[in-house]
């Protein structure tokens, strides 16, 4: 998604309109594989061993190609005031395709 690097908008800290730098907020860290309640953790603990039907532990995890994927993802924009250097997140995320996001980061 193309948007300007700078814009003029209201700064709630300065209480006036100022030049603000726009940046994309990066995603948060992903959850670890061995967190409480994960199937991999149960397998390691020995839930999936022994004789007989192993139930949900007998099947391989669903491949990422079979999972439903989104073609676009919402991006969050961070506005940083040029005068007071304080940052504010935009109210709602804008939808942008992942291909466009990769171009923006370069």
Foldseek 3Di string as FASTA:
>chain_A
DDDDQWDWDADPVVRGTAIWGKDWDDDDDDDDQCDPPHLVVCVVVPLQDDDDDSPPNVDDDDDPVPDDDDQWDFIKMWIAGPVPRDIDIDPGTDIDGPVVVVVVVD
